Amino acid sequence: MPEPCFLRSTLFASHGLHAIFSLRNGGISSPPFDSLNLADDTGDDVNKVEHNLDTLLRESGIHDLPHRAAQVHGYQTLSCRGPGRKHHEEADILISRDGSPLAVRVADCTPILLADPASGLIAAVHAGWRGTASGVAMHALKSILDAGGSLETTLACIGPCIGPCCFEIGVETAEALRQSCPGSDIYIQSRDGSLFADLAAMNRHQLLQAGISQSNIELLANGTSACTCCNAQNFFSYRRDGKASGRHLAIVAPMSSA
């Protein structure tokens, strides 16, 4: 069962790690950002957003602010250390090994959290369709391995995102996604003359192809109820609500230092 305002990874928790994905409930933001909006640059009251973040951190047991970057749908990596804050640097991969919490924000895009408990390395990844097409998850894994992590002990948690039920794409986008990794074409479906992509499954496939074992990858939610576009009760969705959509945070942090 979901906790009041977030979902928690049982896989990461079993290794002494926080890996959470916020839900839209439990905050104080007014419509159309109701209620646990975590973006302060989409028209919501900044003080309400700060209150919402405080609520999420308190309820989840994460005591420090997470590092966040300016996300641009690429695969730039930002190394983070020390107290968490909002960075002006552009990056869709954040990595740390000093226990600093890391976060990416989403409202349909795929959030991916990585951790190697053996080395203490963690990463938060923002994977929209452009990031998925460029293999951002594999770039993040390479950053962990280059920093001294181990493929055998690295964990991955993929959070809720827009599902293949709703993510209709064009021919050029489909081709870019097909080219992202051998075998990716099976995650693009044709229905009634339109194309639809399964971003969560595609990113999972990329991580498996990169060498992470199946038992070390967790899909935080499955099915239509996990589609951010379908499930307006629990999720914000840019495709459904446009610019008036709120945003979620996916956060990773060691339990011992968070």
C-alpha atoms as a PDB file:
ATOM      1  CA  MET A   1       0.000   0.000   0.000  1.00  0.00           C
ATOM      2  CA  PRO A   2       1.222   3.531  -0.701  1.00  0.00           C
ATOM      3  CA  GLU A   3       2.304   5.583   2.252  1.00  0.00           C
ATOM      4  CA  PRO A   4       0.316   8.819   2.726  1.00  0.00           C
ATOM      5  CA  CYS A   5       2.242  11.083   0.352  1.00  0.00           C
ATOM      6  CA  PHE A   6       4.832   8.856  -1.337  1.00  0.00           C
ATOM      7  CA  LEU A   7       5.750   5.405  -2.595  1.00  0.00           C
ATOM      8  CA  ARG A   8       8.826   3.709  -1.149  1.00  0.00           C
ATOM      9  CA  SER A   9      11.150   1.164  -2.739  1.00  0.00           C
ATOM     10  CA  THR A  10      11.293  -2.033  -0.689  1.00  0.00           C
ATOM     11  CA  LEU A  11      14.400  -3.129  -2.606  1.00  0.00           C
ATOM     12  CA  PHE A  12      16.367  -0.030  -1.603  1.00  0.00           C
ATOM     13  CA  ALA A  13      14.991  -0.095   1.953  1.00  0.00           C
ATOM     14  CA  SER A  14      16.266  -3.648   2.363  1.00  0.00           C
ATOM     15  CA  HIS A  15      19.770  -2.271   1.667  1.00  0.00           C
ATOM     16  CA  GLY A  16      19.493   0.679   4.051  1.00  0.00           C
ATOM     17  CA  LEU A  17      18.558   3.235   1.406  1.00  0.00           C
ATOM     18  CA  HIS A  18      15.719   5.680   0.901  1.00  0.00           C
ATOM     19  CA  ALA A  19      14.210   5.602  -2.589  1.00  0.00           C
ATOM     20  CA  ILE A  20      10.884   7.410  -2.687  1.00  0.00           C
ATOM     21  CA  PHE A  21       8.502   8.869  -5.245  1.00  0.00           C
ATOM     22  CA  SER A  22       6.075  11.547  -4.108  1.00  0.00           C
ATOM     23  CA  LEU A  23       2.345  11.284  -4.754  1.00  0.00           C
ATOM     24  CA  ARG A  24       0.169  14.333  -5.399  1.00  0.00           C
ATOM     25  CA  ASN A  25      -1.701  14.000  -2.069  1.00  0.00           C
ATOM     26  CA  GLY A  26      -0.843  15.355   1.371  1.00  0.00           C
ATOM     27  CA  GLY A  27       0.228  18.906   0.514  1.00  0.00           C
ATOM     28  CA  ILE A  28      -1.311  22.359   0.733  1.00  0.00           C
ATOM     29  CA  SER A  29      -1.084  23.703  -2.826  1.00  0.00           C
ATOM     30  CA  SER A  30      -4.326  24.970  -4.335  1.00  0.00           C
ATOM     31  CA  PRO A  31      -5.812  23.807  -7.653  1.00  0.00           C
ATOM     32  CA  PRO A  32      -4.587  23.205 -10.296  1.00  0.00           C
ATOM     33  CA  PHE A  33      -1.451  22.279  -8.321  1.00  0.00           C
ATOM     34  CA  ASP A  34      -3.319  20.363  -5.646  1.00  0.00           C
ATOM     35  CA  SER A  35      -1.921  19.282  -3.422  1.00  0.00           C
ATOM     36  CA  LEU A  36       1.695  18.083  -2.963  1.00  0.00           C
ATOM     37  CA  ASN A  37       3.234  20.086  -5.792  1.00  0.00           C
ATOM     38  CA  LEU A  38       7.019  20.211  -5.543  1.00  0.00           C
ATOM     39  CA  ALA A  39       7.848  22.700  -8.327  1.00  0.00           C
ATOM     40  CA  ASP A  40       8.260  26.375  -7.488  1.00  0.00           C
ATOM     41  CA  ASP A  41       8.545  27.679 -11.047  1.00  0.00           C
ATOM     42  CA  THR A  42       5.205  26.694 -12.580  1.00  0.00           C
ATOM     43  CA  GLY A  43       2.991  29.356 -11.008  1.00  0.00           C
ATOM     44  CA  ASP A  44       2.386  27.864  -7.570  1.00  0.00           C
ATOM     45  CA  ASP A  45       2.939  29.765  -4.310  1.00  0.00           C
ATOM     46  CA  VAL A  46       6.612  29.293  -3.407  1.00  0.00           C
ATOM     47  CA  ASN A  47       5.848  29.137   0.325  1.00  0.00           C
ATOM     48  CA  LYS A  48       3.355  26.328  -0.265  1.00  0.00           C
ATOM     49  CA  VAL A  49       5.900  24.406  -2.315  1.00  0.00           C
ATOM     50  CA  GLU A  50       8.473  24.733   0.470  1.00  0.00           C
ATOM     51  CA  HIS A  51       5.863  23.503   2.966  1.00  0.00           C
ATOM     52  CA  ASN A  52       5.102  20.539   0.697  1.00  0.00           C
ATOM     53  CA  LEU A  53       8.777  19.597   0.461  1.00  0.00           C
ATOM     54  CA  ASP A  54       9.142  19.827   4.246  1.00  0.00           C
ATOM     55  CA  THR A  55       6.133  17.513   4.590  1.00  0.00           C
ATOM     56  CA  LEU A  56       7.536  14.956   2.159  1.00  0.00           C
ATOM     57  CA  LEU A  57      10.938  14.895   3.831  1.00  0.00           C
ATOM     58  CA  ARG A  58       9.467  14.632   7.316  1.00  0.00           C
ATOM     59  CA  GLU A  59       7.021  11.865   6.402  1.00  0.00           C
ATOM     60  CA  SER A  60       9.649   9.850   4.549  1.00  0.00           C
ATOM     61  CA  GLY A  61      12.365  10.204   7.183  1.00  0.00           C
ATOM     62  CA  ILE A  62      14.778  12.097   4.924  1.00  0.00           C
ATOM     63  CA  HIS A  63      16.169  14.868   7.105  1.00  0.00           C
ATOM     64  CA  ASP A  64      18.228  16.892   4.622  1.00  0.00           C
ATOM     65  CA  LEU A  65      17.231  18.824   1.518  1.00  0.00           C
ATOM     66  CA  PRO A  66      18.035  16.974  -1.714  1.00  0.00           C
ATOM     67  CA  HIS A  67      20.262  18.278  -4.460  1.00  0.00           C
ATOM     68  CA  ARG A  68      18.284  19.234  -7.593  1.00  0.00           C
ATOM     69  CA  ALA A  69      19.480  20.463 -10.994  1.00  0.00           C
ATOM     70  CA  ALA A  70      18.084  22.258 -14.030  1.00  0.00           C
ATOM     71  CA  GLN A  71      16.777  19.359 -16.113  1.00  0.00           C
ATOM     72  CA  VAL A  72      17.096  19.642 -19.898  1.00  0.00           C
ATOM     73  CA  HIS A  73      16.247  16.157 -21.260  1.00  0.00           C
ATOM     74  CA  GLY A  74      19.877  15.242 -21.881  1.00  0.00           C
ATOM     75  CA  TYR A  75      22.464  13.076 -20.130  1.00  0.00           C
ATOM     76  CA  GLN A  76      24.741  15.607 -18.460  1.00  0.00           C
ATOM     77  CA  THR A  77      26.005  14.484 -15.044  1.00  0.00           C
ATOM     78  CA  LEU A  78      26.348  16.695 -11.959  1.00  0.00           C
ATOM     79  CA  SER A  79      28.456  15.492  -9.026  1.00  0.00           C
ATOM     80  CA  CYS A  80      26.956  16.656  -5.728  1.00  0.00           C
ATOM     81  CA  ARG A  81      28.298  16.900  -2.209  1.00  0.00           C
ATOM     82  CA  GLY A  82      27.469  18.684   1.002  1.00  0.00           C
ATOM     83  CA  PRO A  83      24.125  20.284   1.921  1.00  0.00           C
ATOM     84  CA  GLY A  84      21.397  19.827  -0.660  1.00  0.00           C
ATOM     85  CA  ARG A  85      20.208  22.754  -2.767  1.00  0.00           C
ATOM     86  CA  LYS A  86      18.869  23.777  -6.158  1.00  0.00           C
ATOM     87  CA  HIS A  87      21.691  24.003  -8.669  1.00  0.00           C
ATOM     88  CA  HIS A  88      21.705  26.307 -11.684  1.00  0.00           C
ATOM     89  CA  GLU A  89      23.755  23.782 -13.642  1.00  0.00           C
ATOM     90  CA  GLU A  90      21.967  21.762 -16.317  1.00  0.00           C
ATOM     91  CA  ALA A  91      21.962  18.028 -15.640  1.00  0.00           C
ATOM     92  CA  ASP A  92      19.639  15.044 -15.888  1.00  0.00           C
ATOM     93  CA  ILE A  93      21.933  12.787 -13.850  1.00  0.00           C
ATOM     94  CA  LEU A  94      22.928  13.655 -10.277  1.00  0.00           C
ATOM     95  CA  ILE A  95      25.524  11.511  -8.496  1.00  0.00           C
ATOM     96  CA  SER A  96      26.941  11.525  -4.965  1.00  0.00           C
ATOM     97  CA  ARG A  97      28.852   9.332  -2.553  1.00  0.00           C
ATOM     98  CA  ASP A  98      28.877  11.446   0.628  1.00  0.00           C
ATOM     99  CA  GLY A  99      25.331  10.665   1.727  1.00  0.00           C
ATOM    100  CA  SER A 100      23.758  13.796   0.260  1.00  0.00           C
ATOM    101  CA  PRO A 101      20.157  13.172  -0.893  1.00  0.00           C
ATOM    102  CA  LEU A 102      19.556  13.546  -4.634  1.00  0.00           C
ATOM    103  CA  ALA A 103      16.300  14.255  -6.461  1.00  0.00           C
ATOM    104  CA  VAL A 104      14.813  14.607  -9.928  1.00  0.00           C
ATOM    105  CA  ARG A 105      11.407  16.089 -10.642  1.00  0.00           C
ATOM    106  CA  VAL A 106       8.887  14.619 -13.045  1.00  0.00           C
ATOM    107  CA  ALA A 107       5.294  14.826 -14.284  1.00  0.00           C
ATOM    108  CA  ASP A 108       5.160  11.945 -16.828  1.00  0.00           C
ATOM    109  CA  CYS A 109       8.910  11.450 -17.451  1.00  0.00           C
ATOM    110  CA  THR A 110      10.579   8.378 -15.975  1.00  0.00           C
ATOM    111  CA  PRO A 111      12.443   8.798 -12.665  1.00  0.00           C
ATOM    112  CA  ILE A 112      15.271   6.308 -12.141  1.00  0.00           C
ATOM    113  CA  LEU A 113      17.157   5.960  -8.860  1.00  0.00           C
ATOM    114  CA  LEU A 114      20.447   4.044  -8.719  1.00  0.00           C
ATOM    115  CA  ALA A 115      22.614   3.015  -5.798  1.00  0.00           C
ATOM    116  CA  ASP A 116      25.629   0.848  -5.089  1.00  0.00           C
ATOM    117  CA  PRO A 117      25.482   0.059  -1.357  1.00  0.00           C
ATOM    118  CA  ALA A 118      29.016  -1.358  -1.446  1.00  0.00           C
ATOM    119  CA  SER A 119      30.633   1.917  -2.505  1.00  0.00           C
ATOM    120  CA  GLY A 120      28.069   4.378  -1.155  1.00  0.00           C
ATOM    121  CA  LEU A 121      27.436   5.830  -4.612  1.00  0.00           C
ATOM    122  CA  ILE A 122      23.914   6.956  -5.477  1.00  0.00           C
ATOM    123  CA  ALA A 123      22.370   8.613  -8.531  1.00  0.00           C
ATOM    124  CA  ALA A 124      19.057  10.200  -9.511  1.00  0.00           C
ATOM    125  CA  VAL A 125      18.117  10.187 -13.191  1.00  0.00           C
ATOM    126  CA  HIS A 126      15.501  12.089 -15.202  1.00  0.00           C
ATOM    127  CA  ALA A 127      14.499  10.121 -18.312  1.00  0.00           C
ATOM    128  CA  GLY A 128      11.945  11.658 -20.631  1.00  0.00           C
ATOM    129  CA  TRP A 129      11.637  10.235 -24.126  1.00  0.00           C
ATOM    130  CA  ARG A 130      14.670  12.233 -25.281  1.00  0.00           C
ATOM    131  CA  GLY A 131      16.729  11.017 -22.341  1.00  0.00           C
ATOM    132  CA  THR A 132      15.550   7.467 -22.922  1.00  0.00           C
ATOM    133  CA  ALA A 133      16.483   7.714 -26.593  1.00  0.00           C
ATOM    134  CA  SER A 134      19.972   8.924 -25.632  1.00  0.00           C
ATOM    135  CA  GLY A 135      20.432   6.146 -23.062  1.00  0.00           C
ATOM    136  CA  VAL A 136      20.515   8.414 -20.017  1.00  0.00           C
ATOM    137  CA  ALA A 137      20.066   5.456 -17.644  1.00  0.00           C
ATOM    138  CA  MET A 138      23.103   3.730 -19.149  1.00  0.00           C
ATOM    139  CA  HIS A 139      25.108   6.956 -18.926  1.00  0.00           C
ATOM    140  CA  ALA A 140      24.201   7.192 -15.228  1.00  0.00           C
ATOM    141  CA  LEU A 141      25.248   3.599 -14.627  1.00  0.00           C
ATOM    142  CA  LYS A 142      28.559   4.281 -16.361  1.00  0.00           C
ATOM    143  CA  SER A 143      29.094   7.283 -14.070  1.00  0.00           C
ATOM    144  CA  ILE A 144      28.620   5.028 -11.049  1.00  0.00           C
ATOM    145  CA  LEU A 145      31.023   2.417 -12.413  1.00  0.00           C
ATOM    146  CA  ASP A 146      33.611   5.042 -13.390  1.00  0.00           C
ATOM    147  CA  ALA A 147      33.464   6.393  -9.829  1.00  0.00           C
ATOM    148  CA  GLY A 148      34.282   2.961  -8.388  1.00  0.00           C
ATOM    149  CA  GLY A 149      30.882   1.286  -8.165  1.00  0.00           C
ATOM    150  CA  SER A 150      30.237  -2.363  -8.926  1.00  0.00           C
ATOM    151  CA  LEU A 151      27.838  -3.663 -11.563  1.00  0.00           C
ATOM    152  CA  GLU A 152      27.075  -6.705  -9.403  1.00  0.00           C
ATOM    153  CA  THR A 153      25.876  -4.653  -6.419  1.00  0.00           C
ATOM    154  CA  THR A 154      24.187  -1.711  -8.148  1.00  0.00           C
ATOM    155  CA  LEU A 155      20.444  -1.382  -7.547  1.00  0.00           C
ATOM    156  CA  ALA A 156      17.869   0.421  -9.690  1.00  0.00           C
ATOM    157  CA  CYS A 157      14.377   1.650  -8.931  1.00  0.00           C
ATOM    158  CA  ILE A 158      12.146   2.948 -11.728  1.00  0.00           C
ATOM    159  CA  GLY A 159       9.293   5.138 -10.549  1.00  0.00           C
ATOM    160  CA  PRO A 160       5.832   5.737 -12.008  1.00  0.00           C
ATOM    161  CA  CYS A 161       5.648   7.551 -15.349  1.00  0.00           C
ATOM    162  CA  ILE A 162       3.303   7.901 -18.297  1.00  0.00           C
ATOM    163  CA  GLY A 163       2.363   4.439 -19.536  1.00  0.00           C
ATOM    164  CA  PRO A 164       1.999   2.895 -22.986  1.00  0.00           C
ATOM    165  CA  CYS A 165      -1.751   3.327 -22.573  1.00  0.00           C
ATOM    166  CA  CYS A 166      -1.314   7.120 -22.939  1.00  0.00           C
ATOM    167  CA  PHE A 167       2.125   7.909 -24.357  1.00  0.00           C
ATOM    168  CA  GLU A 168       1.327   8.369 -28.029  1.00  0.00           C
ATOM    169  CA  ILE A 169       4.362   9.272 -30.123  1.00  0.00           C
ATOM    170  CA  GLY A 170       5.223  10.225 -33.688  1.00  0.00           C
ATOM    171  CA  VAL A 171       7.218   8.265 -36.234  1.00  0.00           C
ATOM    172  CA  GLU A 172      10.474  10.203 -35.634  1.00  0.00           C
ATOM    173  CA  THR A 173      10.260   9.745 -31.858  1.00  0.00           C
ATOM    174  CA  ALA A 174       9.562   6.045 -32.317  1.00  0.00           C
ATOM    175  CA  GLU A 175      12.626   5.667 -34.523  1.00  0.00           C
ATOM    176  CA  ALA A 176      14.840   7.503 -32.007  1.00  0.00           C
ATOM    177  CA  LEU A 177      13.614   5.214 -29.227  1.00  0.00           C
ATOM    178  CA  ARG A 178      14.141   2.101 -31.343  1.00  0.00           C
ATOM    179  CA  GLN A 179      17.740   3.128 -31.922  1.00  0.00           C
ATOM    180  CA  SER A 180      18.456   3.658 -28.205  1.00  0.00           C
ATOM    181  CA  CYS A 181      19.328   0.043 -27.433  1.00  0.00           C
ATOM    182  CA  PRO A 182      19.101  -3.315 -29.252  1.00  0.00           C
ATOM    183  CA  GLY A 183      15.692  -4.854 -28.632  1.00  0.00           C
ATOM    184  CA  SER A 184      13.973  -1.571 -27.741  1.00  0.00           C
ATOM    185  CA  ASP A 185      11.537  -1.874 -30.640  1.00  0.00           C
ATOM    186  CA  ILE A 186       9.378  -4.365 -28.720  1.00  0.00           C
ATOM    187  CA  TYR A 187       8.397  -1.581 -26.325  1.00  0.00           C
ATOM    188  CA  ILE A 188       6.767   0.449 -29.086  1.00  0.00           C
ATOM    189  CA  GLN A 189       3.204  -0.613 -29.851  1.00  0.00           C
ATOM    190  CA  SER A 190       0.961   0.153 -32.797  1.00  0.00           C
ATOM    191  CA  ARG A 191      -2.750   0.606 -32.034  1.00  0.00           C
ATOM    192  CA  ASP A 192      -5.434   1.940 -34.346  1.00  0.00           C
ATOM    193  CA  GLY A 193      -2.854   3.511 -36.622  1.00  0.00           C
ATOM    194  CA  SER A 194      -0.975   5.268 -33.795  1.00  0.00           C
ATOM    195  CA  LEU A 195       2.284   4.487 -32.000  1.00  0.00           C
ATOM    196  CA  PHE A 196       2.698   4.224 -28.219  1.00  0.00           C
ATOM    197  CA  ALA A 197       5.858   3.770 -26.134  1.00  0.00           C
ATOM    198  CA  ASP A 198       6.501   2.072 -22.795  1.00  0.00           C
ATOM    199  CA  LEU A 199       9.241   4.243 -21.263  1.00  0.00           C
ATOM    200  CA  ALA A 200       9.474   2.366 -17.953  1.00  0.00           C
ATOM    201  CA  ALA A 201       9.962  -0.985 -19.684  1.00  0.00           C
ATOM    202  CA  MET A 202      12.402   0.535 -22.166  1.00  0.00           C
ATOM    203  CA  ASN A 203      14.598   1.971 -19.415  1.00  0.00           C
ATOM    204  CA  ARG A 204      14.459  -1.327 -17.538  1.00  0.00           C
ATOM    205  CA  HIS A 205      15.543  -3.088 -20.738  1.00  0.00           C
ATOM    206  CA  GLN A 206      18.477  -0.697 -21.123  1.00  0.00           C
ATOM    207  CA  LEU A 207      19.643  -1.367 -17.559  1.00  0.00           C
ATOM    208  CA  LEU A 208      19.383  -5.121 -18.100  1.00  0.00           C
ATOM    209  CA  GLN A 209      21.344  -4.819 -21.335  1.00  0.00           C
ATOM    210  CA  ALA A 210      23.977  -2.799 -19.450  1.00  0.00           C
ATOM    211  CA  GLY A 211      24.445  -5.689 -17.025  1.00  0.00           C
ATOM    212  CA  ILE A 212      22.342  -4.994 -13.926  1.00  0.00           C
ATOM    213  CA  SER A 213      20.747  -8.219 -12.757  1.00  0.00           C
ATOM    214  CA  GLN A 214      16.970  -8.561 -12.963  1.00  0.00           C
ATOM    215  CA  SER A 215      16.721  -9.075  -9.194  1.00  0.00           C
ATOM    216  CA  ASN A 216      18.408  -5.701  -8.634  1.00  0.00           C
ATOM    217  CA  ILE A 217      15.823  -3.716 -10.622  1.00  0.00           C
ATOM    218  CA  GLU A 218      12.494  -2.687  -9.133  1.00  0.00           C
ATOM    219  CA  LEU A 219       9.539  -1.143 -10.943  1.00  0.00           C
ATOM    220  CA  LEU A 220       7.986   0.909  -8.172  1.00  0.00           C
ATOM    221  CA  ALA A 221       4.518   0.536  -9.654  1.00  0.00           C
ATOM    222  CA  ASN A 222       2.991  -1.423 -12.524  1.00  0.00           C
ATOM    223  CA  GLY A 223      -0.082  -1.304 -14.727  1.00  0.00           C
ATOM    224  CA  THR A 224      -2.558   1.396 -15.655  1.00  0.00           C
ATOM    225  CA  SER A 225      -2.860   2.523 -12.020  1.00  0.00           C
ATOM    226  CA  ALA A 226       0.826   3.535 -12.225  1.00  0.00           C
ATOM    227  CA  CYS A 227       0.361   5.616 -15.383  1.00  0.00           C
ATOM    228  CA  THR A 228       0.757   9.225 -14.364  1.00  0.00           C
ATOM    229  CA  CYS A 229      -1.570  10.354 -17.138  1.00  0.00           C
ATOM    230  CA  CYS A 230      -4.368   7.876 -16.330  1.00  0.00           C
ATOM    231  CA  ASN A 231      -4.296   8.172 -12.561  1.00  0.00           C
ATOM    232  CA  ALA A 232      -5.187  11.779 -11.757  1.00  0.00           C
ATOM    233  CA  GLN A 233      -5.968  10.887  -8.139  1.00  0.00           C
ATOM    234  CA  ASN A 234      -2.356  10.052  -7.326  1.00  0.00           C
ATOM    235  CA  PHE A 235      -0.228  11.673 -10.017  1.00  0.00           C
ATOM    236  CA  PHE A 236       0.454  14.936 -11.784  1.00  0.00           C
ATOM    237  CA  SER A 237       0.729  14.730 -15.567  1.00  0.00           C
ATOM    238  CA  TYR A 238       2.045  17.313 -18.007  1.00  0.00           C
ATOM    239  CA  ARG A 239       0.446  15.494 -20.950  1.00  0.00           C
ATOM    240  CA  ARG A 240      -2.939  15.492 -19.228  1.00  0.00           C
ATOM    241  CA  ASP A 241      -2.872  18.946 -17.597  1.00  0.00           C
ATOM    242  CA  GLY A 242      -0.266  20.929 -19.540  1.00  0.00           C
ATOM    243  CA  LYS A 243       1.632  23.791 -17.929  1.00  0.00           C
ATOM    244  CA  ALA A 244      -0.764  23.825 -14.988  1.00  0.00           C
ATOM    245  CA  SER A 245       0.507  20.440 -13.849  1.00  0.00           C
ATOM    246  CA  GLY A 246       2.328  20.089 -10.538  1.00  0.00           C
ATOM    247  CA  ARG A 247       5.532  18.080 -10.237  1.00  0.00           C
ATOM    248  CA  HIS A 248       6.704  15.042  -8.275  1.00  0.00           C
ATOM    249  CA  LEU A 249      10.126  14.397  -6.764  1.00  0.00           C
ATOM    250  CA  ALA A 250      11.970  11.083  -6.770  1.00  0.00           C
ATOM    251  CA  ILE A 251      14.605  11.075  -4.017  1.00  0.00           C
ATOM    252  CA  VAL A 252      17.438   8.697  -3.165  1.00  0.00           C
ATOM    253  CA  ALA A 253      19.539   8.853   0.004  1.00  0.00           C
ATOM    254  CA  PRO A 254      21.277   6.520   2.469  1.00  0.00           C
ATOM    255  CA  MET A 255      19.102   5.981   5.542  1.00  0.00           C
ATOM    256  CA  SER A 256      22.087   6.265   7.842  1.00  0.00           C
ATOM    257  CA  SER A 257      22.939   9.819   6.778  1.00  0.00           C
ATOM    258  CA  ALA A 258      19.650  11.219   5.546  1.00  0.00           C
END
